[in-house]
Amino acid sequence: MFTGIIETKGIVEGISQNGTNLTYTVGSTIAQELKVDQSLAHDGVCLTIEAIEGNRHQVTAIAETILKTNLAGWKIGTMINLERCMVLNGRLDGHIVQGHVDCTATCTERKDLNGSWEFTFEFPTQFAHLVIEKGSIAVNGTSLTCFAETHNSFKVAIIPYTFEHTSIQQVMEGSLVNIEFDILGKYVQRNLELSR
């Protein structure tokens, strides 16, 4: 479990393919604090640490993960958000994020509002029931509040701190991002479906 409050940024430093899997080497300031077999969110995708060497760690994504996320588009030098699992003796500053990406969305507009930024994202319509005004959503693992939602889009407003400390700064029009909808909304939706 995660909170969507990004701890640090990482840089993709290596990519290798083994069958249908992709293995990534990621450099970061927290690498030496990690442990093998630990879960770590990478742009909102929960991956298991396989190896650590110096300021780098290694993770592997299987075909299912690659299909449902933006990992296939990562290149050497890509900046990604990193968050370690939540500790149950602290505050939950964001919202409950599992690291299980539901779909990808495309940035259709990025506005610089001279002090903040506004992004519009378009997503598959089958998830429309999970997006609500002022609801929580994870974009590349970052806990954000959505507004101005439609059947296939929503907006988020980004404060300077979030812009500076996450990979949202590299999201441009046409960029593909990972989306995880609020787990509470998903449980409510499932309950409604089963009670019909």
N, C-alpha and C. Protein backbone atom coordinates (compact mmCIF):
# COMPACT_ATOMS: atom_id res chain seq x y z
N MET A 1 0.83 -1.19 0.00
CA MET A 1 0.00 0.00 0.00
C MET A 1 0.88 1.25 0.00
N PHE A 2 0.39 2.27 -0.70
CA PHE A 2 1.10 3.53 -0.81
C PHE A 2 0.13 4.67 -0.50
N THR A 3 0.65 5.89 -0.46
CA THR A 3 -0.20 7.05 -0.17
C THR A 3 -0.33 7.99 -1.36
N GLY A 4 0.54 7.84 -2.36
CA GLY A 4 0.53 8.77 -3.47
C GLY A 4 1.31 10.03 -3.19
N ILE A 5 2.01 10.07 -2.06
CA ILE A 5 2.89 11.19 -1.75
C ILE A 5 4.29 10.77 -2.18
N ILE A 6 4.78 11.33 -3.26
CA ILE A 6 6.03 10.89 -3.87
C ILE A 6 7.21 11.21 -2.97
N GLU A 7 8.07 10.22 -2.78
CA GLU A 7 9.22 10.37 -1.89
C GLU A 7 10.41 11.01 -2.60
N THR A 8 10.66 10.58 -3.82
CA THR A 8 11.78 11.12 -4.59
C THR A 8 11.58 10.77 -6.05
N LYS A 9 12.44 11.31 -6.89
CA LYS A 9 12.42 10.97 -8.31
C LYS A 9 13.58 10.03 -8.60
N GLY A 10 13.38 9.16 -9.57
CA GLY A 10 14.44 8.27 -10.03
C GLY A 10 14.68 8.49 -11.50
N ILE A 11 15.81 8.00 -11.99
CA ILE A 11 16.14 8.10 -13.41
C ILE A 11 16.39 6.68 -13.94
N VAL A 12 15.73 6.34 -15.05
CA VAL A 12 15.96 5.05 -15.68
C VAL A 12 17.36 5.06 -16.29
N GLU A 13 18.21 4.17 -15.83
CA GLU A 13 19.60 4.14 -16.29
C GLU A 13 19.91 2.91 -17.14
N GLY A 14 19.03 1.92 -17.13
CA GLY A 14 19.27 0.73 -17.94
C GLY A 14 17.97 0.00 -18.21
N ILE A 15 17.86 -0.61 -19.40
CA ILE A 15 16.69 -1.39 -19.78
C ILE A 15 17.18 -2.62 -20.52
N SER A 16 16.69 -3.79 -20.11
CA SER A 16 17.02 -5.01 -20.85
C SER A 16 15.77 -5.86 -20.99
N GLN A 17 15.73 -6.66 -22.03
CA GLN A 17 14.57 -7.50 -22.30
C GLN A 17 14.95 -8.96 -22.15
N ASN A 18 14.07 -9.72 -21.48
CA ASN A 18 14.25 -11.15 -21.32
C ASN A 18 12.91 -11.80 -21.62
N GLY A 19 12.77 -12.34 -22.84
CA GLY A 19 11.47 -12.85 -23.27
C GLY A 19 10.49 -11.70 -23.39
N THR A 20 9.36 -11.81 -22.70
CA THR A 20 8.37 -10.73 -22.74
C THR A 20 8.54 -9.75 -21.57
N ASN A 21 9.53 -9.99 -20.72
CA ASN A 21 9.76 -9.13 -19.56
C ASN A 21 10.74 -8.00 -19.89
N LEU A 22 10.58 -6.88 -19.18
CA LEU A 22 11.53 -5.78 -19.27
C LEU A 22 12.11 -5.52 -17.89
N THR A 23 13.43 -5.49 -17.80
CA THR A 23 14.11 -5.21 -16.54
C THR A 23 14.69 -3.81 -16.61
N TYR A 24 14.44 -3.05 -15.54
CA TYR A 24 14.87 -1.65 -15.48
C TYR A 24 15.88 -1.46 -14.35
N THR A 25 16.92 -0.71 -14.63
CA THR A 25 17.84 -0.26 -13.60
C THR A 25 17.53 1.21 -13.36
N VAL A 26 17.27 1.55 -12.10
CA VAL A 26 16.83 2.90 -11.74
C VAL A 26 17.79 3.49 -10.72
N GLY A 27 18.29 4.69 -11.00
CA GLY A 27 19.15 5.40 -10.07
C GLY A 27 18.34 6.36 -9.23
N SER A 28 18.65 6.43 -7.92
CA SER A 28 17.92 7.35 -7.05
C SER A 28 18.70 7.61 -5.77
N THR A 29 18.24 8.58 -5.01
CA THR A 29 18.88 8.93 -3.74
C THR A 29 18.50 7.96 -2.62
N ILE A 30 17.50 7.10 -2.84
CA ILE A 30 17.06 6.18 -1.79
C ILE A 30 17.50 4.74 -2.02
N ALA A 31 18.23 4.49 -3.11
CA ALA A 31 18.58 3.12 -3.48
C ALA A 31 19.25 2.36 -2.33
N GLN A 32 20.17 3.00 -1.63
CA GLN A 32 20.92 2.32 -0.57
C GLN A 32 20.06 2.04 0.66
N GLU A 33 18.88 2.65 0.74
CA GLU A 33 17.97 2.39 1.85
C GLU A 33 16.97 1.28 1.54
N LEU A 34 16.95 0.83 0.29
CA LEU A 34 16.00 -0.20 -0.13
C LEU A 34 16.50 -1.58 0.25
N LYS A 35 15.60 -2.56 0.16
CA LYS A 35 15.94 -3.95 0.43
C LYS A 35 15.42 -4.81 -0.71
N VAL A 36 16.16 -5.86 -1.02
CA VAL A 36 15.71 -6.82 -2.02
C VAL A 36 14.40 -7.43 -1.53
N ASP A 37 13.46 -7.62 -2.43
CA ASP A 37 12.14 -8.20 -2.17
C ASP A 37 11.15 -7.17 -1.63
N GLN A 38 11.56 -5.90 -1.56
CA GLN A 38 10.69 -4.83 -1.09
C GLN A 38 9.85 -4.31 -2.25
N SER A 39 8.61 -3.89 -1.96
CA SER A 39 7.76 -3.28 -2.98
C SER A 39 8.07 -1.79 -3.06
N LEU A 40 8.13 -1.27 -4.28
CA LEU A 40 8.41 0.14 -4.50
C LEU A 40 7.56 0.60 -5.68
N ALA A 41 6.85 1.72 -5.50
CA ALA A 41 6.02 2.25 -6.59
C ALA A 41 6.89 3.07 -7.54
N HIS A 42 6.82 2.74 -8.82
CA HIS A 42 7.56 3.42 -9.90
C HIS A 42 6.53 4.07 -10.81
N ASP A 43 6.38 5.40 -10.75
CA ASP A 43 5.32 6.08 -11.49
C ASP A 43 3.96 5.43 -11.21
N GLY A 44 3.78 4.98 -9.96
CA GLY A 44 2.51 4.39 -9.55
C GLY A 44 2.40 2.90 -9.78
N VAL A 45 3.42 2.27 -10.33
CA VAL A 45 3.39 0.83 -10.59
C VAL A 45 4.18 0.13 -9.50
N CYS A 46 3.54 -0.76 -8.76
CA CYS A 46 4.20 -1.51 -7.69
C CYS A 46 5.08 -2.59 -8.31
N LEU A 47 6.40 -2.48 -8.09
CA LEU A 47 7.36 -3.47 -8.60
C LEU A 47 8.25 -3.92 -7.45
N THR A 48 8.77 -5.14 -7.55
CA THR A 48 9.59 -5.73 -6.49
C THR A 48 11.07 -5.50 -6.76
N ILE A 49 11.79 -5.03 -5.74
CA ILE A 49 13.23 -4.82 -5.86
C ILE A 49 13.92 -6.17 -5.99
N GLU A 50 14.70 -6.33 -7.06
CA GLU A 50 15.40 -7.59 -7.31
C GLU A 50 16.88 -7.51 -6.95
N ALA A 51 17.46 -6.35 -7.10
CA ALA A 51 18.89 -6.19 -6.82
C ALA A 51 19.16 -4.72 -6.52
N ILE A 52 20.21 -4.49 -5.74
CA ILE A 52 20.64 -3.13 -5.39
C ILE A 52 22.16 -3.08 -5.53
N GLU A 53 22.63 -2.05 -6.20
CA GLU A 53 24.07 -1.86 -6.34
C GLU A 53 24.36 -0.36 -6.33
N GLY A 54 25.03 0.09 -5.27
CA GLY A 54 25.32 1.51 -5.15
C GLY A 54 24.05 2.33 -5.09
N ASN A 55 23.94 3.31 -5.97
CA ASN A 55 22.76 4.18 -6.01
C ASN A 55 21.74 3.73 -7.05
N ARG A 56 21.72 2.43 -7.33
CA ARG A 56 20.80 1.90 -8.34
C ARG A 56 20.08 0.66 -7.80
N HIS A 57 18.86 0.47 -8.25
CA HIS A 57 18.16 -0.78 -7.96
C HIS A 57 17.58 -1.32 -9.26
N GLN A 58 17.21 -2.59 -9.23
CA GLN A 58 16.71 -3.26 -10.43
C GLN A 58 15.34 -3.87 -10.16
N VAL A 59 14.44 -3.71 -11.13
CA VAL A 59 13.09 -4.30 -11.06
C VAL A 59 12.74 -4.87 -12.43
N THR A 60 11.81 -5.83 -12.44
CA THR A 60 11.36 -6.42 -13.69
C THR A 60 9.85 -6.29 -13.81
N ALA A 61 9.38 -5.91 -14.99
CA ALA A 61 7.96 -5.83 -15.29
C ALA A 61 7.60 -6.95 -16.26
N ILE A 62 6.54 -7.69 -15.93
CA ILE A 62 6.08 -8.78 -16.81
C ILE A 62 5.14 -8.21 -17.87
N ALA A 63 4.77 -9.05 -18.82
CA ALA A 63 3.97 -8.62 -19.98
C ALA A 63 2.67 -7.95 -19.56
N GLU A 64 1.96 -8.50 -18.57
CA GLU A 64 0.69 -7.92 -18.11
C GLU A 64 0.88 -6.49 -17.62
N THR A 65 1.94 -6.26 -16.87
CA THR A 65 2.24 -4.92 -16.35
C THR A 65 2.57 -3.96 -17.49
N ILE A 66 3.37 -4.43 -18.42
CA ILE A 66 3.78 -3.59 -19.56
C ILE A 66 2.57 -3.21 -20.41
N LEU A 67 1.63 -4.15 -20.56
CA LEU A 67 0.44 -3.92 -21.37
C LEU A 67 -0.46 -2.85 -20.77
N LYS A 68 -0.58 -2.80 -19.44
CA LYS A 68 -1.54 -1.91 -18.79
C LYS A 68 -0.96 -0.59 -18.30
N THR A 69 0.34 -0.37 -18.51
CA THR A 69 0.98 0.83 -17.99
C THR A 69 1.76 1.54 -19.10
N ASN A 70 2.47 2.60 -18.71
CA ASN A 70 3.29 3.32 -19.69
C ASN A 70 4.75 2.89 -19.66
N LEU A 71 5.07 1.77 -19.00
CA LEU A 71 6.45 1.33 -18.85
C LEU A 71 7.13 1.05 -20.19
N ALA A 72 6.39 0.61 -21.17
CA ALA A 72 6.99 0.31 -22.47
C ALA A 72 7.59 1.57 -23.11
N GLY A 73 7.11 2.72 -22.71
CA GLY A 73 7.61 3.98 -23.26
C GLY A 73 8.80 4.56 -22.52
N TRP A 74 9.19 3.92 -21.42
CA TRP A 74 10.35 4.42 -20.69
C TRP A 74 11.61 4.24 -21.51
N LYS A 75 12.50 5.20 -21.43
CA LYS A 75 13.78 5.17 -22.13
C LYS A 75 14.89 5.50 -21.14
N ILE A 76 16.13 5.29 -21.54
CA ILE A 76 17.24 5.71 -20.70
C ILE A 76 17.11 7.22 -20.47
N GLY A 77 17.13 7.64 -19.22
CA GLY A 77 16.99 9.06 -18.90
C GLY A 77 15.59 9.47 -18.48
N THR A 78 14.60 8.58 -18.62
CA THR A 78 13.25 8.92 -18.19
C THR A 78 13.21 9.15 -16.68
N MET A 79 12.58 10.25 -16.27
CA MET A 79 12.41 10.56 -14.85
C MET A 79 11.12 9.91 -14.38
N ILE A 80 11.19 9.21 -13.23
CA ILE A 80 10.00 8.55 -12.69
C ILE A 80 9.83 8.87 -11.21
N ASN A 81 8.58 8.80 -10.75
CA ASN A 81 8.27 9.00 -9.34
C ASN A 81 8.52 7.72 -8.57
N LEU A 82 9.09 7.83 -7.37
CA LEU A 82 9.33 6.68 -6.50
C LEU A 82 8.68 6.91 -5.15
N GLU A 83 8.03 5.85 -4.64
CA GLU A 83 7.44 5.90 -3.30
C GLU A 83 7.56 4.53 -2.66
N ARG A 84 8.14 4.50 -1.46
CA ARG A 84 8.18 3.26 -0.69
C ARG A 84 6.81 3.02 -0.05
N CYS A 85 6.58 1.79 0.37
CA CYS A 85 5.31 1.42 1.02
C CYS A 85 5.04 2.29 2.23
N MET A 86 3.75 2.48 2.50
CA MET A 86 3.39 3.27 3.67
C MET A 86 3.74 2.52 4.96
N VAL A 87 4.02 3.29 5.99
CA VAL A 87 4.26 2.74 7.32
C VAL A 87 2.99 2.99 8.12
N LEU A 88 2.50 2.00 8.82
CA LEU A 88 1.21 2.12 9.48
C LEU A 88 1.23 2.88 10.80
N ASN A 89 2.35 3.51 11.12
CA ASN A 89 2.40 4.30 12.35
C ASN A 89 2.47 5.80 12.07
N GLY A 90 2.07 6.20 10.87
CA GLY A 90 2.14 7.62 10.50
C GLY A 90 0.85 8.12 9.88
N ARG A 91 0.88 9.36 9.45
CA ARG A 91 -0.29 9.98 8.83
C ARG A 91 -0.44 9.53 7.38
N LEU A 92 -1.66 9.43 6.94
CA LEU A 92 -1.96 9.11 5.54
C LEU A 92 -2.20 10.44 4.83
N ASP A 93 -1.14 11.02 4.26
CA ASP A 93 -1.24 12.37 3.70
C ASP A 93 -1.94 12.42 2.35
N GLY A 94 -1.90 11.36 1.58
CA GLY A 94 -2.54 11.35 0.27
C GLY A 94 -3.84 10.57 0.35
N HIS A 95 -3.92 9.46 -0.38
CA HIS A 95 -5.05 8.54 -0.26
C HIS A 95 -4.50 7.13 -0.45
N ILE A 96 -5.33 6.13 -0.23
CA ILE A 96 -4.86 4.75 -0.34
C ILE A 96 -4.61 4.41 -1.80
N VAL A 97 -3.35 4.09 -2.11
CA VAL A 97 -2.93 3.74 -3.47
C VAL A 97 -2.30 2.35 -3.40
N GLN A 98 -2.73 1.45 -4.26
CA GLN A 98 -2.24 0.08 -4.22
C GLN A 98 -1.02 -0.16 -5.10
N GLY A 99 -0.81 0.70 -6.08
CA GLY A 99 0.26 0.45 -7.04
C GLY A 99 -0.20 -0.49 -8.15
N HIS A 100 -1.51 -0.69 -8.25
CA HIS A 100 -2.10 -1.53 -9.29
C HIS A 100 -2.78 -0.61 -10.31
N VAL A 101 -2.09 -0.34 -11.38
CA VAL A 101 -2.57 0.62 -12.38
C VAL A 101 -3.80 0.07 -13.11
N ASP A 102 -4.83 0.91 -13.22
CA ASP A 102 -6.07 0.50 -13.89
C ASP A 102 -6.00 0.70 -15.40
N CYS A 103 -5.36 1.78 -15.83
CA CYS A 103 -5.28 2.08 -17.27
C CYS A 103 -4.26 3.19 -17.46
N THR A 104 -4.06 3.55 -18.70
CA THR A 104 -3.26 4.74 -19.00
C THR A 104 -4.19 5.84 -19.49
N ALA A 105 -3.72 7.06 -19.41
CA ALA A 105 -4.46 8.22 -19.91
C ALA A 105 -3.49 9.09 -20.69
N THR A 106 -4.03 9.89 -21.60
CA THR A 106 -3.21 10.77 -22.43
C THR A 106 -3.43 12.21 -22.01
N CYS A 107 -2.34 12.95 -21.83
CA CYS A 107 -2.44 14.37 -21.54
C CYS A 107 -2.89 15.09 -22.81
N THR A 108 -4.01 15.77 -22.73
CA THR A 108 -4.52 16.50 -23.90
C THR A 108 -4.31 18.00 -23.79
N GLU A 109 -3.99 18.47 -22.57
CA GLU A 109 -3.73 19.91 -22.42
C GLU A 109 -2.87 20.14 -21.17
N ARG A 110 -1.91 21.03 -21.31
CA ARG A 110 -1.07 21.45 -20.18
C ARG A 110 -1.05 22.97 -20.19
N LYS A 111 -1.52 23.56 -19.09
CA LYS A 111 -1.58 25.02 -18.99
C LYS A 111 -0.68 25.51 -17.87
N ASP A 112 0.17 26.48 -18.18
CA ASP A 112 0.97 27.17 -17.18
C ASP A 112 0.15 28.36 -16.71
N LEU A 113 -0.26 28.35 -15.45
CA LEU A 113 -1.12 29.40 -14.91
C LEU A 113 -0.34 30.42 -14.09
N ASN A 114 0.95 30.56 -14.38
CA ASN A 114 1.79 31.56 -13.73
C ASN A 114 1.77 31.41 -12.20
N GLY A 115 2.14 30.25 -11.75
CA GLY A 115 2.15 29.96 -10.32
C GLY A 115 1.65 28.58 -10.02
N SER A 116 0.90 28.01 -10.94
CA SER A 116 0.44 26.63 -10.83
C SER A 116 0.26 26.11 -12.25
N TRP A 117 -0.06 24.84 -12.36
CA TRP A 117 -0.25 24.22 -13.67
C TRP A 117 -1.55 23.44 -13.65
N GLU A 118 -2.19 23.37 -14.82
CA GLU A 118 -3.42 22.60 -14.96
C GLU A 118 -3.24 21.62 -16.11
N PHE A 119 -3.51 20.35 -15.83
CA PHE A 119 -3.38 19.29 -16.83
C PHE A 119 -4.75 18.67 -17.08
N THR A 120 -5.03 18.36 -18.34
CA THR A 120 -6.23 17.62 -18.70
C THR A 120 -5.80 16.27 -19.24
N PHE A 121 -6.47 15.21 -18.76
CA PHE A 121 -6.16 13.86 -19.19
C PHE A 121 -7.40 13.18 -19.76
N GLU A 122 -7.21 12.43 -20.83
CA GLU A 122 -8.27 11.65 -21.45
C GLU A 122 -8.03 10.18 -21.16
N PHE A 123 -9.09 9.49 -20.72
CA PHE A 123 -8.96 8.09 -20.31
C PHE A 123 -10.07 7.26 -20.96
N PRO A 124 -9.97 5.91 -20.93
CA PRO A 124 -11.00 5.06 -21.53
C PRO A 124 -12.35 5.24 -20.83
N THR A 125 -13.41 5.33 -21.61
CA THR A 125 -14.74 5.64 -21.08
C THR A 125 -15.28 4.59 -20.11
N GLN A 126 -14.80 3.35 -20.17
CA GLN A 126 -15.35 2.34 -19.26
C GLN A 126 -15.02 2.63 -17.80
N PHE A 127 -14.13 3.61 -17.55
CA PHE A 127 -13.78 3.96 -16.17
C PHE A 127 -14.47 5.25 -15.70
N ALA A 128 -15.38 5.78 -16.50
CA ALA A 128 -16.02 7.07 -16.19
C ALA A 128 -16.68 7.08 -14.82
N HIS A 129 -17.28 5.97 -14.41
CA HIS A 129 -17.99 5.91 -13.14
C HIS A 129 -17.06 6.00 -11.92
N LEU A 130 -15.75 5.92 -12.14
CA LEU A 130 -14.80 5.97 -11.03
C LEU A 130 -14.16 7.35 -10.85
N VAL A 131 -14.56 8.31 -11.67
CA VAL A 131 -14.01 9.66 -11.58
C VAL A 131 -15.11 10.61 -11.11
N ILE A 132 -14.87 11.25 -9.97
CA ILE A 132 -15.86 12.18 -9.43
C ILE A 132 -15.22 13.53 -9.13
N GLU A 133 -16.04 14.56 -9.13
CA GLU A 133 -15.58 15.91 -8.81
C GLU A 133 -14.95 15.94 -7.41
N LYS A 134 -13.73 16.46 -7.32
CA LYS A 134 -12.96 16.55 -6.07
C LYS A 134 -12.64 15.17 -5.50
N GLY A 135 -12.63 14.15 -6.35
CA GLY A 135 -12.26 12.81 -5.91
C GLY A 135 -10.76 12.60 -6.02
N SER A 136 -10.26 11.55 -5.36
CA SER A 136 -8.84 11.22 -5.41
C SER A 136 -8.53 10.37 -6.63
N ILE A 137 -7.36 10.61 -7.19
CA ILE A 137 -6.88 9.83 -8.33
C ILE A 137 -5.36 9.82 -8.28
N ALA A 138 -4.74 8.72 -8.69
CA ALA A 138 -3.27 8.66 -8.74
C ALA A 138 -2.83 8.76 -10.19
N VAL A 139 -2.03 9.78 -10.49
CA VAL A 139 -1.46 9.98 -11.82
C VAL A 139 0.04 9.74 -11.72
N ASN A 140 0.53 8.71 -12.39
CA ASN A 140 1.94 8.28 -12.24
C ASN A 140 2.29 8.12 -10.77
N GLY A 141 1.32 7.63 -10.00
CA GLY A 141 1.55 7.35 -8.59
C GLY A 141 1.37 8.53 -7.66
N THR A 142 1.12 9.72 -8.20
CA THR A 142 0.97 10.92 -7.38
C THR A 142 -0.50 11.11 -7.00
N SER A 143 -0.78 11.23 -5.72
CA SER A 143 -2.14 11.45 -5.24
C SER A 143 -2.58 12.87 -5.60
N LEU A 144 -3.62 12.96 -6.43
CA LEU A 144 -4.13 14.26 -6.88
C LEU A 144 -5.64 14.31 -6.74
N THR A 145 -6.19 15.51 -6.83
CA THR A 145 -7.64 15.72 -6.78
C THR A 145 -8.11 16.09 -8.18
N CYS A 146 -9.10 15.36 -8.70
CA CYS A 146 -9.57 15.66 -10.05
C CYS A 146 -10.80 16.57 -10.01
N PHE A 147 -11.00 17.29 -11.11
CA PHE A 147 -12.17 18.16 -11.24
C PHE A 147 -12.50 18.30 -12.72
N ALA A 148 -13.61 18.94 -13.00
CA ALA A 148 -14.08 19.16 -14.39
C ALA A 148 -14.09 17.85 -15.16
N GLU A 149 -14.58 16.79 -14.50
CA GLU A 149 -14.60 15.48 -15.15
C GLU A 149 -15.72 15.38 -16.18
N THR A 150 -15.46 14.60 -17.23
CA THR A 150 -16.47 14.27 -18.24
C THR A 150 -16.51 12.75 -18.34
N HIS A 151 -17.18 12.22 -19.36
CA HIS A 151 -17.24 10.76 -19.52
C HIS A 151 -15.89 10.16 -19.88
N ASN A 152 -14.92 10.99 -20.33
CA ASN A 152 -13.61 10.43 -20.69
C ASN A 152 -12.43 11.36 -20.39
N SER A 153 -12.64 12.35 -19.52
CA SER A 153 -11.53 13.24 -19.20
C SER A 153 -11.69 13.84 -17.81
N PHE A 154 -10.60 14.35 -17.28
CA PHE A 154 -10.61 15.07 -16.02
C PHE A 154 -9.43 16.03 -16.02
N LYS A 155 -9.47 16.99 -15.11
CA LYS A 155 -8.38 17.94 -14.94
C LYS A 155 -7.79 17.78 -13.54
N VAL A 156 -6.51 18.14 -13.41
CA VAL A 156 -5.86 18.23 -12.10
C VAL A 156 -5.09 19.54 -12.06
N ALA A 157 -5.01 20.14 -10.87
CA ALA A 157 -4.23 21.36 -10.68
C ALA A 157 -2.99 20.98 -9.89
N ILE A 158 -1.85 21.50 -10.30
CA ILE A 158 -0.56 21.14 -9.71
C ILE A 158 0.07 22.37 -9.05
N ILE A 159 0.39 22.23 -7.77
CA ILE A 159 1.06 23.31 -7.04
C ILE A 159 2.56 23.26 -7.35
N PRO A 160 3.28 24.36 -7.11
CA PRO A 160 4.71 24.38 -7.42
C PRO A 160 5.52 23.26 -6.76
N TYR A 161 5.23 22.94 -5.50
CA TYR A 161 5.99 21.88 -4.81
C TYR A 161 5.85 20.55 -5.54
N THR A 162 4.64 20.18 -5.90
CA THR A 162 4.40 18.91 -6.61
C THR A 162 5.06 18.94 -7.98
N PHE A 163 4.98 20.07 -8.67
CA PHE A 163 5.60 20.18 -9.99
C PHE A 163 7.10 19.95 -9.90
N GLU A 164 7.73 20.55 -8.90
CA GLU A 164 9.18 20.47 -8.76
C GLU A 164 9.65 19.10 -8.29
N HIS A 165 8.87 18.44 -7.43
CA HIS A 165 9.32 17.21 -6.78
C HIS A 165 8.79 15.91 -7.38
N THR A 166 8.07 15.99 -8.50
CA THR A 166 7.58 14.77 -9.15
C THR A 166 7.86 14.83 -10.65
N SER A 167 7.56 13.72 -11.31
CA SER A 167 7.80 13.65 -12.76
C SER A 167 6.70 14.33 -13.58
N ILE A 168 5.70 14.94 -12.92
CA ILE A 168 4.64 15.64 -13.67
C ILE A 168 5.24 16.75 -14.52
N GLN A 169 6.42 17.26 -14.11
CA GLN A 169 7.06 18.35 -14.85
C GLN A 169 7.42 17.94 -16.28
N GLN A 170 7.59 16.64 -16.54
CA GLN A 170 7.94 16.21 -17.90
C GLN A 170 6.72 15.75 -18.71
N VAL A 171 5.52 15.82 -18.12
CA VAL A 171 4.31 15.44 -18.85
C VAL A 171 3.90 16.59 -19.77
N MET A 172 3.83 16.27 -21.05
CA MET A 172 3.44 17.25 -22.07
C MET A 172 2.18 16.75 -22.77
N GLU A 173 1.61 17.59 -23.64
CA GLU A 173 0.47 17.13 -24.43
C GLU A 173 0.91 15.93 -25.26
N GLY A 174 0.13 14.85 -25.18
CA GLY A 174 0.45 13.62 -25.88
C GLY A 174 1.14 12.59 -25.01
N SER A 175 1.61 12.98 -23.81
CA SER A 175 2.26 12.03 -22.90
C SER A 175 1.25 11.03 -22.37
N LEU A 176 1.72 9.79 -22.20
CA LEU A 176 0.92 8.71 -21.63
C LEU A 176 1.28 8.58 -20.15
N VAL A 177 0.27 8.56 -19.27
CA VAL A 177 0.50 8.44 -17.84
C VAL A 177 -0.26 7.25 -17.28
N ASN A 178 0.20 6.75 -16.12
CA ASN A 178 -0.47 5.65 -15.43
C ASN A 178 -1.55 6.21 -14.53
N ILE A 179 -2.72 5.55 -14.54
CA ILE A 179 -3.86 5.99 -13.73
C ILE A 179 -4.29 4.85 -12.80
N GLU A 180 -4.43 5.18 -11.52
CA GLU A 180 -5.07 4.26 -10.58
C GLU A 180 -6.23 5.01 -9.93
N PHE A 181 -7.43 4.46 -10.11
CA PHE A 181 -8.62 5.08 -9.55
C PHE A 181 -8.74 4.71 -8.07
N ASP A 182 -9.50 5.49 -7.33
CA ASP A 182 -9.64 5.32 -5.88
C ASP A 182 -10.22 3.94 -5.56
N ILE A 183 -9.54 3.19 -4.70
CA ILE A 183 -9.96 1.83 -4.34
C ILE A 183 -11.34 1.82 -3.69
N LEU A 184 -11.67 2.86 -2.92
CA LEU A 184 -12.99 2.90 -2.28
C LEU A 184 -14.10 2.99 -3.33
N GLY A 185 -13.88 3.79 -4.35
CA GLY A 185 -14.85 3.90 -5.43
C GLY A 185 -15.01 2.58 -6.17
N LYS A 186 -13.92 1.86 -6.33
CA LYS A 186 -13.99 0.56 -7.03
C LYS A 186 -14.79 -0.46 -6.23
N TYR A 187 -14.64 -0.46 -4.91
CA TYR A 187 -15.41 -1.38 -4.07
C TYR A 187 -16.90 -1.02 -4.08
N VAL A 188 -17.21 0.26 -4.03
CA VAL A 188 -18.61 0.69 -4.09
C VAL A 188 -19.23 0.27 -5.41
N GLN A 189 -18.51 0.49 -6.51
CA GLN A 189 -19.01 0.12 -7.83
C GLN A 189 -19.27 -1.39 -7.93
N ARG A 190 -18.33 -2.18 -7.43
CA ARG A 190 -18.49 -3.65 -7.46
C ARG A 190 -19.70 -4.08 -6.63
N ASN A 191 -19.89 -3.48 -5.47
CA ASN A 191 -21.03 -3.80 -4.63
C ASN A 191 -22.35 -3.49 -5.33
N LEU A 192 -22.40 -2.35 -6.01
CA LEU A 192 -23.61 -1.97 -6.75
C LEU A 192 -23.88 -2.96 -7.88
N GLU A 193 -22.84 -3.37 -8.57
CA GLU A 193 -23.01 -4.34 -9.67
C GLU A 193 -23.57 -5.67 -9.16
N LEU A 194 -23.08 -6.13 -8.01
CA LEU A 194 -23.51 -7.42 -7.48
C LEU A 194 -24.91 -7.37 -6.87
N SER A 195 -25.36 -6.17 -6.49
CA SER A 195 -26.68 -6.06 -5.86
C SER A 195 -27.81 -5.85 -6.86
N ARG A 196 -27.47 -5.78 -8.13
CA ARG A 196 -28.52 -5.57 -9.15
C ARG A 196 -29.30 -6.84 -9.41
